Amino acid sequence: MKPLQLCAAATVFAVLFAFTTFAPAQTGTFSDSLSEAVVDLAGANVPLAPPTVSFPIPEGQEPVDLVFPLPGRQIDFVEETPVTNIISDRLSISPYEVRVASDPNPGGLPPRTNAIRIPASALESFLPLSILAKSDGNAANPVQELSDSLTITLGSYGPGTGTVIFSEVIPEPLPEGVTEPVLGFVIPPTLFDIVEPPGETGGVDGIISDYVDLLTQIEVRFISSDDPALYANLPPAQGFIVESITAGGGIHYYLDFRSDAIPEPCAIGLIGVAATALVTLRRRS
């Protein structure tokens, strides 16, 4: 095994070790939770004002049927140049509401035919909403720019899961004077039924433990333009990331739901990232 492969393998092992040691610490009675997160492509939190929100839902207080307001977000990509405050892109997400319902009845909640079912293998933990906006910058060829992109996924609970409902790119370079198209999509209200693991139901399959519903439409827009006047007419940004000239940058916004004693989705995501890195290195060798 080459040194890079050995390093990636060690990363996978370290993540798996952290995951398995973390899981027992989650045992016991914990709160359900609904929270948002905004990170860059390296996984670092993007500072926001107001900051991201989190709503704990204490166990033992069922039945629960609550609606939570999620704030709108305006986040800029700022170019990495000697001239400061040059905005190249803007990700906008409108305010929306989320309903969370649960019931202590051993038979669970009634299944809904119009809901997306999150399987028991998700361990009652998933991302109802995931939005990835990327600006790829100038790669190996400083003349040929790559494409900016926007991808929206619903109901993901691990690598390769979820439904991609929108995925488009802005082709570049465009002819001089041509305005870049705006990538936009309106996410419709969406319902999720959460299946409880059989280990928590005495072996009974298919028990619905929670509802998590995107109650309102969510408008998502990704603007990529070199026209400063365009951004001057937009609402003030709540946060920003610095976009590398060569590598670009990206923002990952997601809504996270967790129920009871479960591993965090970020740990599952890290396993996927590490494993993907190992596979990629093997292919390049």
C-alpha atoms as a PDB file:
ATOM      1  CA  MET A   1       0.000   0.000   0.000  1.00  0.00           C
ATOM      2  CA  LYS A   2       1.366   3.399  -1.029  1.00  0.00           C
ATOM      3  CA  PRO A   3       1.850   6.149   1.581  1.00  0.00           C
ATOM      4  CA  LEU A   4      -1.222   8.110   0.456  1.00  0.00           C
ATOM      5  CA  GLN A   5      -3.345   4.974   0.531  1.00  0.00           C
ATOM      6  CA  LEU A   6      -1.979   4.125   3.962  1.00  0.00           C
ATOM      7  CA  CYS A   7      -2.877   7.619   5.161  1.00  0.00           C
ATOM      8  CA  ALA A   8      -6.421   7.309   3.805  1.00  0.00           C
ATOM      9  CA  ALA A   9      -6.812   3.870   5.369  1.00  0.00           C
ATOM     10  CA  ALA A  10      -5.667   5.279   8.693  1.00  0.00           C
ATOM     11  CA  THR A  11      -8.238   8.040   8.338  1.00  0.00           C
ATOM     12  CA  VAL A  12     -11.018   5.510   7.750  1.00  0.00           C
ATOM     13  CA  PHE A  13      -9.894   3.545  10.813  1.00  0.00           C
ATOM     14  CA  ALA A  14      -9.719   6.667  12.947  1.00  0.00           C
ATOM     15  CA  VAL A  15     -13.191   7.773  11.936  1.00  0.00           C
ATOM     16  CA  LEU A  16     -14.621   4.316  12.536  1.00  0.00           C
ATOM     17  CA  PHE A  17     -12.940   4.199  15.938  1.00  0.00           C
ATOM     18  CA  ALA A  18     -14.320   7.613  16.862  1.00  0.00           C
ATOM     19  CA  PHE A  19     -17.769   6.543  15.659  1.00  0.00           C
ATOM     20  CA  THR A  20     -17.839   3.309  17.668  1.00  0.00           C
ATOM     21  CA  THR A  21     -16.549   4.969  20.824  1.00  0.00           C
ATOM     22  CA  PHE A  22     -19.033   7.800  20.426  1.00  0.00           C
ATOM     23  CA  ALA A  23     -22.090   5.585  20.028  1.00  0.00           C
ATOM     24  CA  PRO A  24     -22.111   4.208  23.604  1.00  0.00           C
ATOM     25  CA  ALA A  25     -21.905   7.742  24.913  1.00  0.00           C
ATOM     26  CA  GLN A  26     -25.230   8.394  23.225  1.00  0.00           C
ATOM     27  CA  THR A  27     -27.067   5.698  25.170  1.00  0.00           C
ATOM     28  CA  GLY A  28     -29.680   6.731  27.683  1.00  0.00           C
ATOM     29  CA  THR A  29     -32.563   9.177  27.454  1.00  0.00           C
ATOM     30  CA  PHE A  30     -31.763  12.139  25.256  1.00  0.00           C
ATOM     31  CA  SER A  31     -33.750  14.793  23.514  1.00  0.00           C
ATOM     32  CA  ASP A  32     -34.850  14.600  19.954  1.00  0.00           C
ATOM     33  CA  SER A  33     -33.420  17.544  18.082  1.00  0.00           C
ATOM     34  CA  LEU A  34     -33.875  19.593  14.956  1.00  0.00           C
ATOM     35  CA  SER A  35     -31.012  21.826  13.907  1.00  0.00           C
ATOM     36  CA  GLU A  36     -29.496  23.574  10.923  1.00  0.00           C
ATOM     37  CA  ALA A  37     -25.829  23.742   9.967  1.00  0.00           C
ATOM     38  CA  VAL A  38     -23.827  25.657   7.375  1.00  0.00           C
ATOM     39  CA  VAL A  39     -20.324  24.419   6.591  1.00  0.00           C
ATOM     40  CA  ASP A  40     -17.735  24.909   3.870  1.00  0.00           C
ATOM     41  CA  LEU A  41     -16.308  22.117   1.729  1.00  0.00           C
ATOM     42  CA  ALA A  42     -13.715  21.343   4.392  1.00  0.00           C
ATOM     43  CA  GLY A  43     -16.455  20.829   6.989  1.00  0.00           C
ATOM     44  CA  ALA A  44     -15.717  24.034   8.935  1.00  0.00           C
ATOM     45  CA  ASN A  45     -18.671  25.993  10.276  1.00  0.00           C
ATOM     46  CA  VAL A  46     -19.501  29.173   8.360  1.00  0.00           C
ATOM     47  CA  PRO A  47     -19.951  32.050  10.847  1.00  0.00           C
ATOM     48  CA  LEU A  48     -23.446  33.508  10.547  1.00  0.00           C
ATOM     49  CA  ALA A  49     -25.338  36.376  12.130  1.00  0.00           C
ATOM     50  CA  PRO A  50     -27.833  35.396  13.373  1.00  0.00           C
ATOM     51  CA  PRO A  51     -26.190  32.033  14.142  1.00  0.00           C
ATOM     52  CA  THR A  52     -27.610  28.663  13.169  1.00  0.00           C
ATOM     53  CA  VAL A  53     -30.550  27.460  15.241  1.00  0.00           C
ATOM     54  CA  SER A  54     -31.159  24.229  17.154  1.00  0.00           C
ATOM     55  CA  PHE A  55     -34.365  23.009  18.774  1.00  0.00           C
ATOM     56  CA  PRO A  56     -34.137  20.294  21.476  1.00  0.00           C
ATOM     57  CA  ILE A  57     -37.257  18.193  22.028  1.00  0.00           C
ATOM     58  CA  PRO A  58     -37.078  16.516  25.488  1.00  0.00           C
ATOM     59  CA  GLU A  59     -37.975  12.834  25.681  1.00  0.00           C
ATOM     60  CA  GLY A  60     -40.833  11.754  27.941  1.00  0.00           C
ATOM     61  CA  GLN A  61     -43.077  14.619  26.901  1.00  0.00           C
ATOM     62  CA  GLU A  62     -44.947  12.870  24.089  1.00  0.00           C
ATOM     63  CA  PRO A  63     -47.249  13.301  22.377  1.00  0.00           C
ATOM     64  CA  VAL A  64     -45.288  16.030  20.607  1.00  0.00           C
ATOM     65  CA  ASP A  65     -46.594  18.051  17.686  1.00  0.00           C
ATOM     66  CA  LEU A  66     -44.568  21.219  17.276  1.00  0.00           C
ATOM     67  CA  VAL A  67     -43.796  23.665  14.466  1.00  0.00           C
ATOM     68  CA  PHE A  68     -40.350  25.295  14.330  1.00  0.00           C
ATOM     69  CA  PRO A  69     -39.420  28.410  12.310  1.00  0.00           C
ATOM     70  CA  LEU A  70     -36.173  28.272  10.334  1.00  0.00           C
ATOM     71  CA  PRO A  71     -34.670  31.642   9.334  1.00  0.00           C
ATOM     72  CA  GLY A  72     -33.812  32.674   5.807  1.00  0.00           C
ATOM     73  CA  ARG A  73     -30.126  32.694   4.854  1.00  0.00           C
ATOM     74  CA  GLN A  74     -28.037  34.972   2.619  1.00  0.00           C
ATOM     75  CA  ILE A  75     -24.453  33.746   2.261  1.00  0.00           C
ATOM     76  CA  ASP A  76     -21.781  35.228  -0.025  1.00  0.00           C
ATOM     77  CA  PHE A  77     -18.747  33.775  -1.767  1.00  0.00           C
ATOM     78  CA  VAL A  78     -15.955  36.377  -1.510  1.00  0.00           C
ATOM     79  CA  GLU A  79     -13.082  36.130  -3.963  1.00  0.00           C
ATOM     80  CA  GLU A  80      -9.577  35.533  -2.667  1.00  0.00           C
ATOM     81  CA  THR A  81      -7.927  38.607  -4.213  1.00  0.00           C
ATOM     82  CA  PRO A  82      -5.864  41.577  -2.990  1.00  0.00           C
ATOM     83  CA  VAL A  83      -9.012  43.676  -3.391  1.00  0.00           C
ATOM     84  CA  THR A  84     -11.348  42.881  -0.516  1.00  0.00           C
ATOM     85  CA  ASN A  85     -15.118  42.421  -0.541  1.00  0.00           C
ATOM     86  CA  ILE A  86     -15.388  41.292  -4.166  1.00  0.00           C
ATOM     87  CA  ILE A  87     -18.464  39.068  -4.199  1.00  0.00           C
ATOM     88  CA  SER A  88     -18.613  36.361  -6.847  1.00  0.00           C
ATOM     89  CA  ASP A  89     -21.639  34.314  -5.745  1.00  0.00           C
ATOM     90  CA  ARG A  90     -24.636  34.423  -3.409  1.00  0.00           C
ATOM     91  CA  LEU A  91     -26.647  31.518  -1.951  1.00  0.00           C
ATOM     92  CA  SER A  92     -30.136  32.529  -0.787  1.00  0.00           C
ATOM     93  CA  ILE A  93     -32.564  30.335   1.170  1.00  0.00           C
ATOM     94  CA  SER A  94     -35.997  31.634   2.142  1.00  0.00           C
ATOM     95  CA  PRO A  95     -37.458  31.204   5.664  1.00  0.00           C
ATOM     96  CA  TYR A  96     -39.484  28.042   6.204  1.00  0.00           C
ATOM     97  CA  GLU A  97     -41.264  25.990   8.862  1.00  0.00           C
ATOM     98  CA  VAL A  98     -40.754  22.406  10.010  1.00  0.00           C
ATOM     99  CA  ARG A  99     -43.186  20.224  11.936  1.00  0.00           C
ATOM    100  CA  VAL A 100     -41.976  17.456  14.270  1.00  0.00           C
ATOM    101  CA  ALA A 101     -44.494  15.005  15.763  1.00  0.00           C
ATOM    102  CA  SER A 102     -44.030  11.883  17.890  1.00  0.00           C
ATOM    103  CA  ASP A 103     -46.223   9.635  20.036  1.00  0.00           C
ATOM    104  CA  PRO A 104     -45.441   7.254  22.949  1.00  0.00           C
ATOM    105  CA  ASN A 105     -48.027   4.741  21.694  1.00  0.00           C
ATOM    106  CA  PRO A 106     -46.222   1.373  21.157  1.00  0.00           C
ATOM    107  CA  GLY A 107     -48.038   1.076  17.839  1.00  0.00           C
ATOM    108  CA  GLY A 108     -46.450   4.287  16.631  1.00  0.00           C
ATOM    109  CA  LEU A 109     -47.930   6.912  14.364  1.00  0.00           C
ATOM    110  CA  PRO A 110     -50.141   6.062  11.367  1.00  0.00           C
ATOM    111  CA  PRO A 111     -48.076   5.677   8.166  1.00  0.00           C
ATOM    112  CA  ARG A 112     -48.855   8.249   5.468  1.00  0.00           C
ATOM    113  CA  THR A 113     -49.067   7.320   1.796  1.00  0.00           C
ATOM    114  CA  ASN A 114     -47.800  10.737   0.657  1.00  0.00           C
ATOM    115  CA  ALA A 115     -44.714  10.732   2.919  1.00  0.00           C
ATOM    116  CA  ILE A 116     -41.115   9.738   2.180  1.00  0.00           C
ATOM    117  CA  ARG A 117     -40.256   6.824   4.453  1.00  0.00           C
ATOM    118  CA  ILE A 118     -36.902   6.975   6.259  1.00  0.00           C
ATOM    119  CA  PRO A 119     -35.980   3.311   6.956  1.00  0.00           C
ATOM    120  CA  ALA A 120     -35.039   1.777  10.280  1.00  0.00           C
ATOM    121  CA  SER A 121     -31.434   1.477   9.067  1.00  0.00           C
ATOM    122  CA  ALA A 122     -31.155   5.271   9.391  1.00  0.00           C
ATOM    123  CA  LEU A 123     -31.457   4.860  13.190  1.00  0.00           C
ATOM    124  CA  GLU A 124     -33.993   7.705  13.330  1.00  0.00           C
ATOM    125  CA  SER A 125     -31.379  10.183  12.134  1.00  0.00           C
ATOM    126  CA  PHE A 126     -31.398  11.913   8.758  1.00  0.00           C
ATOM    127  CA  LEU A 127     -31.115  15.163   6.845  1.00  0.00           C
ATOM    128  CA  PRO A 128     -34.556  16.277   5.688  1.00  0.00           C
ATOM    129  CA  LEU A 129     -32.881  18.974   3.567  1.00  0.00           C
ATOM    130  CA  SER A 130     -29.403  19.296   2.094  1.00  0.00           C
ATOM    131  CA  ILE A 131     -28.288  22.158  -0.193  1.00  0.00           C
ATOM    132  CA  LEU A 132     -24.837  22.204  -1.800  1.00  0.00           C
ATOM    133  CA  ALA A 133     -23.661  25.289  -3.714  1.00  0.00           C
ATOM    134  CA  LYS A 134     -20.223  25.097  -5.330  1.00  0.00           C
ATOM    135  CA  SER A 135     -18.019  27.509  -7.228  1.00  0.00           C
ATOM    136  CA  ASP A 136     -15.210  25.585  -8.868  1.00  0.00           C
ATOM    137  CA  GLY A 137     -12.926  28.487  -9.740  1.00  0.00           C
ATOM    138  CA  ASN A 138     -10.081  28.083 -12.204  1.00  0.00           C
ATOM    139  CA  ALA A 139      -8.630  24.577 -12.052  1.00  0.00           C
ATOM    140  CA  ALA A 140      -5.514  23.387 -13.878  1.00  0.00           C
ATOM    141  CA  ASN A 141      -6.210  25.646 -16.866  1.00  0.00           C
ATOM    142  CA  PRO A 142      -6.327  29.317 -15.791  1.00  0.00           C
ATOM    143  CA  VAL A 143      -8.292  30.206 -18.936  1.00  0.00           C
ATOM    144  CA  GLN A 144     -10.989  27.522 -18.865  1.00  0.00           C
ATOM    145  CA  GLU A 145     -13.216  28.000 -15.842  1.00  0.00           C
ATOM    146  CA  LEU A 146     -15.267  25.112 -14.571  1.00  0.00           C
ATOM    147  CA  SER A 147     -18.968  25.222 -13.760  1.00  0.00           C
ATOM    148  CA  ASP A 148     -20.641  26.533 -10.644  1.00  0.00           C
ATOM    149  CA  SER A 149     -23.397  24.226  -9.421  1.00  0.00           C
ATOM    150  CA  LEU A 150     -26.389  23.882  -7.109  1.00  0.00           C
ATOM    151  CA  THR A 151     -27.658  20.540  -5.792  1.00  0.00           C
ATOM    152  CA  ILE A 152     -30.663  20.003  -3.502  1.00  0.00           C
ATOM    153  CA  THR A 153     -31.287  16.638  -1.812  1.00  0.00           C
ATOM    154  CA  LEU A 154     -34.157  15.505   0.406  1.00  0.00           C
ATOM    155  CA  GLY A 155     -34.146  12.720   2.998  1.00  0.00           C
ATOM    156  CA  SER A 156     -30.493  11.615   3.049  1.00  0.00           C
ATOM    157  CA  TYR A 157     -29.251   9.405   5.899  1.00  0.00           C
ATOM    158  CA  GLY A 158     -25.848   8.289   4.658  1.00  0.00           C
ATOM    159  CA  PRO A 159     -23.686   8.201   1.514  1.00  0.00           C
ATOM    160  CA  GLY A 160     -25.687   7.408  -1.617  1.00  0.00           C
ATOM    161  CA  THR A 161     -29.111   7.932  -0.001  1.00  0.00           C
ATOM    162  CA  GLY A 162     -31.759  10.592  -0.400  1.00  0.00           C
ATOM    163  CA  THR A 163     -33.529  12.036  -3.429  1.00  0.00           C
ATOM    164  CA  VAL A 164     -31.826  14.685  -5.546  1.00  0.00           C
ATOM    165  CA  ILE A 165     -34.664  16.998  -6.588  1.00  0.00           C
ATOM    166  CA  PHE A 166     -32.521  19.646  -8.284  1.00  0.00           C
ATOM    167  CA  SER A 167     -29.026  19.598  -9.791  1.00  0.00           C
ATOM    168  CA  GLU A 168     -27.818  22.122 -12.360  1.00  0.00           C
ATOM    169  CA  VAL A 169     -24.641  23.955 -13.329  1.00  0.00           C
ATOM    170  CA  ILE A 170     -23.772  27.376 -14.689  1.00  0.00           C
ATOM    171  CA  PRO A 171     -21.576  26.768 -17.758  1.00  0.00           C
ATOM    172  CA  GLU A 172     -18.453  28.888 -17.964  1.00  0.00           C
ATOM    173  CA  PRO A 173     -16.848  30.751 -19.572  1.00  0.00           C
ATOM    174  CA  LEU A 174     -19.762  32.583 -21.148  1.00  0.00           C
ATOM    175  CA  PRO A 175     -19.335  35.090 -24.000  1.00  0.00           C
ATOM    176  CA  GLU A 176     -18.304  38.550 -22.866  1.00  0.00           C
ATOM    177  CA  GLY A 177     -21.286  40.612 -21.782  1.00  0.00           C
ATOM    178  CA  VAL A 178     -23.618  37.641 -21.314  1.00  0.00           C
ATOM    179  CA  THR A 179     -25.266  37.587 -17.883  1.00  0.00           C
ATOM    180  CA  GLU A 180     -24.859  34.347 -15.967  1.00  0.00           C
ATOM    181  CA  PRO A 181     -28.137  32.503 -15.395  1.00  0.00           C
ATOM    182  CA  VAL A 182     -29.473  32.264 -11.860  1.00  0.00           C
ATOM    183  CA  LEU A 183     -29.918  28.731 -10.525  1.00  0.00           C
ATOM    184  CA  GLY A 184     -33.161  28.546  -8.606  1.00  0.00           C
ATOM    185  CA  PHE A 185     -35.671  26.043  -7.335  1.00  0.00           C
ATOM    186  CA  VAL A 186     -38.738  26.064  -5.092  1.00  0.00           C
ATOM    187  CA  ILE A 187     -38.798  23.054  -2.766  1.00  0.00           C
ATOM    188  CA  PRO A 188     -42.401  21.940  -2.247  1.00  0.00           C
ATOM    189  CA  PRO A 189     -43.804  20.972   1.176  1.00  0.00           C
ATOM    190  CA  THR A 190     -42.474  17.484   1.921  1.00  0.00           C
ATOM    191  CA  LEU A 191     -43.455  14.876   4.531  1.00  0.00           C
ATOM    192  CA  PHE A 192     -41.198  12.249   6.125  1.00  0.00           C
ATOM    193  CA  ASP A 193     -42.215   9.153   8.140  1.00  0.00           C
ATOM    194  CA  ILE A 194     -39.413   7.903  10.409  1.00  0.00           C
ATOM    195  CA  VAL A 195     -39.290   4.132  10.955  1.00  0.00           C
ATOM    196  CA  GLU A 196     -38.146   3.010  14.408  1.00  0.00           C
ATOM    197  CA  PRO A 197     -35.430   0.294  14.568  1.00  0.00           C
ATOM    198  CA  PRO A 198     -36.853  -3.151  15.470  1.00  0.00           C
ATOM    199  CA  GLY A 199     -34.439  -3.278  18.408  1.00  0.00           C
ATOM    200  CA  GLU A 200     -36.531  -0.571  20.042  1.00  0.00           C
ATOM    201  CA  THR A 201     -39.932  -2.075  19.173  1.00  0.00           C
ATOM    202  CA  GLY A 202     -39.487  -5.652  20.412  1.00  0.00           C
ATOM    203  CA  GLY A 203     -38.704  -6.851  16.897  1.00  0.00           C
ATOM    204  CA  VAL A 204     -41.762  -5.344  15.224  1.00  0.00           C
ATOM    205  CA  ASP A 205     -40.916  -3.855  11.808  1.00  0.00           C
ATOM    206  CA  GLY A 206     -42.402  -0.744  10.262  1.00  0.00           C
ATOM    207  CA  ILE A 207     -43.367   1.232  13.380  1.00  0.00           C
ATOM    208  CA  ILE A 208     -43.420   4.974  12.626  1.00  0.00           C
ATOM    209  CA  SER A 209     -41.816   6.808  15.541  1.00  0.00           C
ATOM    210  CA  ASP A 210     -41.821  10.393  14.219  1.00  0.00           C
ATOM    211  CA  TYR A 211     -43.114  12.709  11.554  1.00  0.00           C
ATOM    212  CA  VAL A 212     -40.777  15.396  10.228  1.00  0.00           C
ATOM    213  CA  ASP A 213     -42.415  17.685   7.695  1.00  0.00           C
ATOM    214  CA  LEU A 214     -41.218  20.629   5.628  1.00  0.00           C
ATOM    215  CA  LEU A 215     -44.475  22.550   5.958  1.00  0.00           C
ATOM    216  CA  THR A 216     -43.815  25.474   3.659  1.00  0.00           C
ATOM    217  CA  GLN A 217     -42.221  26.041   0.286  1.00  0.00           C
ATOM    218  CA  ILE A 218     -38.517  26.882   0.372  1.00  0.00           C
ATOM    219  CA  GLU A 219     -37.071  29.108  -2.341  1.00  0.00           C
ATOM    220  CA  VAL A 220     -33.390  28.470  -3.090  1.00  0.00           C
ATOM    221  CA  ARG A 221     -31.363  30.729  -5.425  1.00  0.00           C
ATOM    222  CA  PHE A 222     -27.689  30.615  -6.383  1.00  0.00           C
ATOM    223  CA  ILE A 223     -26.345  33.689  -8.173  1.00  0.00           C
ATOM    224  CA  SER A 224     -22.923  33.667  -9.837  1.00  0.00           C
ATOM    225  CA  SER A 225     -22.036  36.998 -11.394  1.00  0.00           C
ATOM    226  CA  ASP A 226     -19.129  39.424 -11.711  1.00  0.00           C
ATOM    227  CA  ASP A 227     -21.460  42.417 -11.621  1.00  0.00           C
ATOM    228  CA  PRO A 228     -21.043  44.220  -8.261  1.00  0.00           C
ATOM    229  CA  ALA A 229     -24.260  46.173  -8.809  1.00  0.00           C
ATOM    230  CA  LEU A 230     -26.261  42.964  -8.680  1.00  0.00           C
ATOM    231  CA  TYR A 231     -25.162  42.210  -5.112  1.00  0.00           C
ATOM    232  CA  ALA A 232     -25.648  45.825  -4.009  1.00  0.00           C
ATOM    233  CA  ASN A 233     -29.375  45.416  -4.628  1.00  0.00           C
ATOM    234  CA  LEU A 234     -29.674  42.203  -2.592  1.00  0.00           C
ATOM    235  CA  PRO A 235     -30.430  41.936   1.145  1.00  0.00           C
ATOM    236  CA  PRO A 236     -27.370  42.155   3.438  1.00  0.00           C
ATOM    237  CA  ALA A 237     -25.382  38.940   3.736  1.00  0.00           C
ATOM    238  CA  GLN A 238     -25.483  37.034   7.023  1.00  0.00           C
ATOM    239  CA  GLY A 239     -22.182  35.274   6.423  1.00  0.00           C
ATOM    240  CA  PHE A 240     -19.546  34.516   3.827  1.00  0.00           C
ATOM    241  CA  ILE A 241     -16.806  32.135   2.767  1.00  0.00           C
ATOM    242  CA  VAL A 242     -13.556  33.009   0.989  1.00  0.00           C
ATOM    243  CA  GLU A 243     -13.420  31.451  -2.470  1.00  0.00           C
ATOM    244  CA  SER A 244      -9.997  30.304  -3.674  1.00  0.00           C
ATOM    245  CA  ILE A 245      -9.086  31.550  -7.153  1.00  0.00           C
ATOM    246  CA  THR A 246      -7.826  28.126  -8.210  1.00  0.00           C
ATOM    247  CA  ALA A 247      -9.870  25.703  -6.117  1.00  0.00           C
ATOM    248  CA  GLY A 248     -13.106  27.646  -5.774  1.00  0.00           C
ATOM    249  CA  GLY A 249     -15.256  27.027  -2.739  1.00  0.00           C
ATOM    250  CA  GLY A 250     -18.580  25.758  -1.576  1.00  0.00           C
ATOM    251  CA  ILE A 251     -21.328  25.946   1.012  1.00  0.00           C
ATOM    252  CA  HIS A 252     -23.243  22.980   2.390  1.00  0.00           C
ATOM    253  CA  TYR A 253     -26.463  23.910   4.173  1.00  0.00           C
ATOM    254  CA  TYR A 254     -28.373  21.134   5.853  1.00  0.00           C
ATOM    255  CA  LEU A 255     -31.219  20.493   8.257  1.00  0.00           C
ATOM    256  CA  ASP A 256     -30.527  17.681  10.726  1.00  0.00           C
ATOM    257  CA  PHE A 257     -33.078  15.621  12.663  1.00  0.00           C
ATOM    258  CA  ARG A 258     -32.098  13.141  15.380  1.00  0.00           C
ATOM    259  CA  SER A 259     -34.230  11.008  17.653  1.00  0.00           C
ATOM    260  CA  ASP A 260     -33.188   9.309  20.909  1.00  0.00           C
ATOM    261  CA  ALA A 261     -29.807   7.595  21.346  1.00  0.00           C
ATOM    262  CA  ILE A 262     -28.313   7.641  17.868  1.00  0.00           C
ATOM    263  CA  PRO A 263     -24.971   8.384  16.206  1.00  0.00           C
ATOM    264  CA  GLU A 264     -24.601  11.858  14.754  1.00  0.00           C
ATOM    265  CA  PRO A 265     -25.087  12.215  10.975  1.00  0.00           C
ATOM    266  CA  CYS A 266     -21.796  14.078  10.722  1.00  0.00           C
ATOM    267  CA  ALA A 267     -19.985  10.955  11.947  1.00  0.00           C
ATOM    268  CA  ILE A 268     -21.714   8.885   9.261  1.00  0.00           C
ATOM    269  CA  GLY A 269     -20.751  11.509   6.708  1.00  0.00           C
ATOM    270  CA  LEU A 270     -17.102  11.427   7.794  1.00  0.00           C
ATOM    271  CA  ILE A 271     -17.009   7.670   7.254  1.00  0.00           C
ATOM    272  CA  GLY A 272     -18.317   8.179   3.739  1.00  0.00           C
ATOM    273  CA  VAL A 273     -15.792  10.935   3.019  1.00  0.00           C
ATOM    274  CA  ALA A 274     -12.869   8.871   4.285  1.00  0.00           C
ATOM    275  CA  ALA A 275     -13.954   5.757   2.400  1.00  0.00           C
ATOM    276  CA  THR A 276     -14.423   7.743  -0.821  1.00  0.00           C
ATOM    277  CA  ALA A 277     -10.942   9.210  -0.442  1.00  0.00           C
ATOM    278  CA  LEU A 278      -9.457   5.732  -0.099  1.00  0.00           C
ATOM    279  CA  VAL A 279     -11.265   4.427  -3.187  1.00  0.00           C
ATOM    280  CA  THR A 280     -10.169   7.474  -5.192  1.00  0.00           C
ATOM    281  CA  LEU A 281      -6.527   7.002  -4.238  1.00  0.00           C
ATOM    282  CA  ARG A 282      -6.644   3.345  -5.185  1.00  0.00           C
ATOM    283  CA  ARG A 283      -8.020   4.206  -8.623  1.00  0.00           C
ATOM    284  CA  ARG A 284      -5.298   6.781  -9.217  1.00  0.00           C
ATOM    285  CA  SER A 285      -2.516   4.391  -8.230  1.00  0.00           C
END
